Amino acid sequence: MDIKQAIVKRLAELMAERGWTQYQLFKMSGVPITTINTIFNKKQGVRLDTLFQLLLGLGVEFTEFFDVDYLKFNSLNNK
């Protein structure tokens, strides 16, 4: 799994825990829905400042976000 896929997977997990759609993530984070759609369609990676805004909306710290096995360095495919 590459970093884009891993970030989308983690965001989707956190959204599912809350029962949120991409629209609800937009409303809570202020990140434009078009940006969220682009991230979820894996057309581009997510910028650090955008990830920060998404995590603020989700109420999740960076440490919590990255504390899953598939986001560890040895699990990522760096292509």
N, C-alpha and C. Protein backbone atom coordinates (compact mmCIF):
# COMPACT_ATOMS: atom_id res chain seq x y z
N MET A 1 0.86 -1.17 0.00
CA MET A 1 0.00 0.00 0.00
C MET A 1 0.91 1.24 0.00
N ASP A 2 0.57 2.22 -0.83
CA ASP A 2 1.38 3.44 -0.82
C ASP A 2 0.79 4.44 0.17
N ILE A 3 1.48 5.54 0.37
CA ILE A 3 1.09 6.53 1.38
C ILE A 3 -0.28 7.13 1.08
N LYS A 4 -0.58 7.41 -0.19
CA LYS A 4 -1.89 7.96 -0.55
C LYS A 4 -3.01 7.01 -0.15
N GLN A 5 -2.83 5.73 -0.51
CA GLN A 5 -3.84 4.72 -0.18
C GLN A 5 -4.00 4.58 1.33
N ALA A 6 -2.89 4.60 2.05
CA ALA A 6 -2.94 4.44 3.51
C ALA A 6 -3.65 5.61 4.18
N ILE A 7 -3.39 6.83 3.71
CA ILE A 7 -4.04 7.99 4.30
C ILE A 7 -5.53 7.97 4.03
N VAL A 8 -5.92 7.63 2.80
CA VAL A 8 -7.34 7.54 2.47
C VAL A 8 -8.01 6.45 3.31
N LYS A 9 -7.35 5.32 3.46
CA LYS A 9 -7.91 4.23 4.27
C LYS A 9 -8.13 4.70 5.71
N ARG A 10 -7.15 5.39 6.27
CA ARG A 10 -7.28 5.84 7.66
C ARG A 10 -8.37 6.89 7.80
N LEU A 11 -8.43 7.84 6.87
CA LEU A 11 -9.51 8.84 6.91
C LEU A 11 -10.88 8.16 6.82
N ALA A 12 -10.99 7.19 5.92
CA ALA A 12 -12.27 6.47 5.75
C ALA A 12 -12.65 5.73 7.03
N GLU A 13 -11.67 5.13 7.70
CA GLU A 13 -11.95 4.43 8.96
C GLU A 13 -12.49 5.40 10.02
N LEU A 14 -11.82 6.54 10.13
CA LEU A 14 -12.24 7.52 11.13
C LEU A 14 -13.62 8.09 10.81
N MET A 15 -13.88 8.30 9.53
CA MET A 15 -15.20 8.78 9.13
C MET A 15 -16.26 7.72 9.42
N ALA A 16 -15.96 6.46 9.13
CA ALA A 16 -16.92 5.37 9.38
C ALA A 16 -17.23 5.26 10.87
N GLU A 17 -16.21 5.43 11.72
CA GLU A 17 -16.44 5.38 13.17
C GLU A 17 -17.46 6.43 13.60
N ARG A 18 -17.48 7.55 12.89
CA ARG A 18 -18.38 8.65 13.23
C ARG A 18 -19.67 8.62 12.41
N GLY A 19 -19.72 7.74 11.42
CA GLY A 19 -20.88 7.68 10.53
C GLY A 19 -20.93 8.88 9.59
N TRP A 20 -19.75 9.41 9.24
CA TRP A 20 -19.67 10.61 8.41
C TRP A 20 -19.51 10.28 6.94
N THR A 21 -20.04 11.17 6.13
CA THR A 21 -19.80 11.16 4.68
C THR A 21 -18.69 12.17 4.38
N GLN A 22 -18.26 12.21 3.14
CA GLN A 22 -17.28 13.22 2.73
C GLN A 22 -17.86 14.62 2.93
N TYR A 23 -19.15 14.76 2.71
CA TYR A 23 -19.79 16.07 2.90
C TYR A 23 -19.71 16.49 4.37
N GLN A 24 -19.94 15.57 5.28
CA GLN A 24 -19.86 15.90 6.70
C GLN A 24 -18.42 16.25 7.10
N LEU A 25 -17.45 15.56 6.50
CA LEU A 25 -16.05 15.89 6.76
C LEU A 25 -15.76 17.30 6.28
N PHE A 26 -16.27 17.67 5.14
CA PHE A 26 -16.13 19.03 4.62
C PHE A 26 -16.73 20.04 5.59
N LYS A 27 -17.93 19.79 6.07
CA LYS A 27 -18.60 20.71 6.97
C LYS A 27 -17.84 20.88 8.28
N MET A 28 -17.27 19.81 8.80
CA MET A 28 -16.58 19.86 10.08
C MET A 28 -15.15 20.39 9.96
N SER A 29 -14.52 20.19 8.80
CA SER A 29 -13.11 20.57 8.66
C SER A 29 -12.91 21.89 7.91
N GLY A 30 -13.86 22.24 7.06
CA GLY A 30 -13.70 23.43 6.23
C GLY A 30 -12.85 23.19 4.99
N VAL A 31 -12.37 21.97 4.81
CA VAL A 31 -11.61 21.63 3.60
C VAL A 31 -12.61 21.51 2.45
N PRO A 32 -12.37 22.17 1.34
CA PRO A 32 -13.33 22.13 0.23
C PRO A 32 -13.68 20.69 -0.18
N ILE A 33 -14.93 20.48 -0.49
CA ILE A 33 -15.41 19.14 -0.87
C ILE A 33 -14.67 18.65 -2.11
N THR A 34 -14.31 19.55 -3.01
CA THR A 34 -13.58 19.13 -4.21
C THR A 34 -12.21 18.58 -3.83
N THR A 35 -11.56 19.18 -2.84
CA THR A 35 -10.27 18.69 -2.37
C THR A 35 -10.43 17.32 -1.73
N ILE A 36 -11.46 17.16 -0.92
CA ILE A 36 -11.72 15.87 -0.27
C ILE A 36 -11.98 14.79 -1.32
N ASN A 37 -12.80 15.11 -2.32
CA ASN A 37 -13.08 14.16 -3.40
C ASN A 37 -11.80 13.76 -4.13
N THR A 38 -10.94 14.73 -4.40
CA THR A 38 -9.68 14.47 -5.09
C THR A 38 -8.79 13.55 -4.26
N ILE A 39 -8.72 13.80 -2.96
CA ILE A 39 -7.93 12.95 -2.06
C ILE A 39 -8.48 11.53 -2.08
N PHE A 40 -9.79 11.39 -1.94
CA PHE A 40 -10.39 10.06 -1.87
C PHE A 40 -10.34 9.31 -3.20
N ASN A 41 -10.26 10.03 -4.29
CA ASN A 41 -10.10 9.38 -5.59
C ASN A 41 -8.64 9.12 -5.90
N LYS A 42 -7.75 9.43 -4.95
CA LYS A 42 -6.30 9.19 -5.04
C LYS A 42 -5.67 9.86 -6.26
N LYS A 43 -6.26 10.96 -6.68
CA LYS A 43 -5.70 11.69 -7.82
C LYS A 43 -4.52 12.54 -7.40
N GLN A 44 -4.45 12.84 -6.11
CA GLN A 44 -3.29 13.58 -5.60
C GLN A 44 -3.13 13.22 -4.13
N GLY A 45 -1.93 13.44 -3.64
CA GLY A 45 -1.67 13.24 -2.22
C GLY A 45 -2.29 14.37 -1.43
N VAL A 46 -2.25 14.23 -0.13
CA VAL A 46 -2.80 15.28 0.72
C VAL A 46 -1.66 16.11 1.31
N ARG A 47 -1.80 17.41 1.23
CA ARG A 47 -0.81 18.31 1.81
C ARG A 47 -0.91 18.24 3.33
N LEU A 48 0.19 18.51 4.00
CA LEU A 48 0.24 18.44 5.45
C LEU A 48 -0.75 19.41 6.09
N ASP A 49 -0.85 20.62 5.56
CA ASP A 49 -1.79 21.58 6.14
C ASP A 49 -3.24 21.15 5.92
N THR A 50 -3.51 20.50 4.80
CA THR A 50 -4.86 19.98 4.55
C THR A 50 -5.17 18.83 5.49
N LEU A 51 -4.22 17.93 5.68
CA LEU A 51 -4.41 16.82 6.62
C LEU A 51 -4.67 17.36 8.02
N PHE A 52 -3.93 18.40 8.40
CA PHE A 52 -4.12 19.03 9.70
C PHE A 52 -5.56 19.52 9.85
N GLN A 53 -6.10 20.19 8.84
CA GLN A 53 -7.48 20.69 8.89
C GLN A 53 -8.48 19.53 8.97
N LEU A 54 -8.24 18.47 8.21
CA LEU A 54 -9.13 17.31 8.26
C LEU A 54 -9.12 16.69 9.66
N LEU A 55 -7.94 16.57 10.24
CA LEU A 55 -7.83 15.98 11.57
C LEU A 55 -8.45 16.86 12.64
N LEU A 56 -8.33 18.17 12.49
CA LEU A 56 -9.02 19.07 13.41
C LEU A 56 -10.53 18.82 13.35
N GLY A 57 -11.05 18.71 12.14
CA GLY A 57 -12.47 18.45 11.97
C GLY A 57 -12.90 17.13 12.58
N LEU A 58 -12.04 16.13 12.47
CA LEU A 58 -12.33 14.81 13.04
C LEU A 58 -12.06 14.75 14.54
N GLY A 59 -11.33 15.74 15.06
CA GLY A 59 -10.98 15.72 16.47
C GLY A 59 -9.92 14.69 16.81
N VAL A 60 -8.98 14.51 15.88
CA VAL A 60 -7.96 13.47 16.02
C VAL A 60 -6.58 14.12 15.96
N GLU A 61 -5.70 13.72 16.86
CA GLU A 61 -4.31 14.18 16.86
C GLU A 61 -3.52 13.43 15.79
N PHE A 62 -2.44 14.05 15.31
CA PHE A 62 -1.57 13.37 14.35
C PHE A 62 -1.09 12.03 14.88
N THR A 63 -0.71 11.99 16.15
CA THR A 63 -0.19 10.75 16.71
C THR A 63 -1.24 9.64 16.66
N GLU A 64 -2.48 9.98 16.93
CA GLU A 64 -3.56 8.97 16.85
C GLU A 64 -3.80 8.55 15.40
N PHE A 65 -3.77 9.51 14.50
CA PHE A 65 -4.00 9.21 13.10
C PHE A 65 -2.97 8.21 12.56
N PHE A 66 -1.70 8.45 12.87
CA PHE A 66 -0.63 7.61 12.33
C PHE A 66 -0.36 6.36 13.15
N ASP A 67 -1.08 6.16 14.25
CA ASP A 67 -0.83 5.01 15.12
C ASP A 67 -1.60 3.77 14.67
N VAL A 68 -1.36 3.38 13.42
CA VAL A 68 -1.91 2.13 12.87
C VAL A 68 -0.78 1.44 12.12
N ASP A 69 -0.80 0.13 12.10
CA ASP A 69 0.31 -0.63 11.51
C ASP A 69 0.57 -0.26 10.05
N TYR A 70 -0.47 -0.06 9.26
CA TYR A 70 -0.27 0.16 7.83
C TYR A 70 0.27 1.56 7.51
N LEU A 71 0.40 2.44 8.51
CA LEU A 71 1.04 3.74 8.29
C LEU A 71 2.44 3.80 8.89
N LYS A 72 2.98 2.66 9.28
CA LYS A 72 4.36 2.60 9.75
C LYS A 72 5.28 2.54 8.53
N PHE A 73 6.49 3.08 8.67
CA PHE A 73 7.44 3.12 7.56
C PHE A 73 7.64 1.77 6.89
N ASN A 74 7.80 0.72 7.68
CA ASN A 74 8.09 -0.60 7.11
C ASN A 74 6.89 -1.22 6.41
N SER A 75 5.71 -0.64 6.56
CA SER A 75 4.52 -1.17 5.91
C SER A 75 4.18 -0.45 4.60
N LEU A 76 4.78 0.71 4.38
CA LEU A 76 4.44 1.52 3.21
C LEU A 76 5.31 1.15 2.02
N ASN A 77 4.67 1.14 0.87
CA ASN A 77 5.34 0.91 -0.40
C ASN A 77 5.72 2.28 -0.94
N ASN A 78 6.97 2.62 -0.96
CA ASN A 78 7.43 3.96 -1.33
C ASN A 78 7.68 4.12 -2.81
N LYS A 79 6.68 3.95 -3.61
CA LYS A 79 6.82 4.10 -5.07
C LYS A 79 6.30 5.44 -5.48
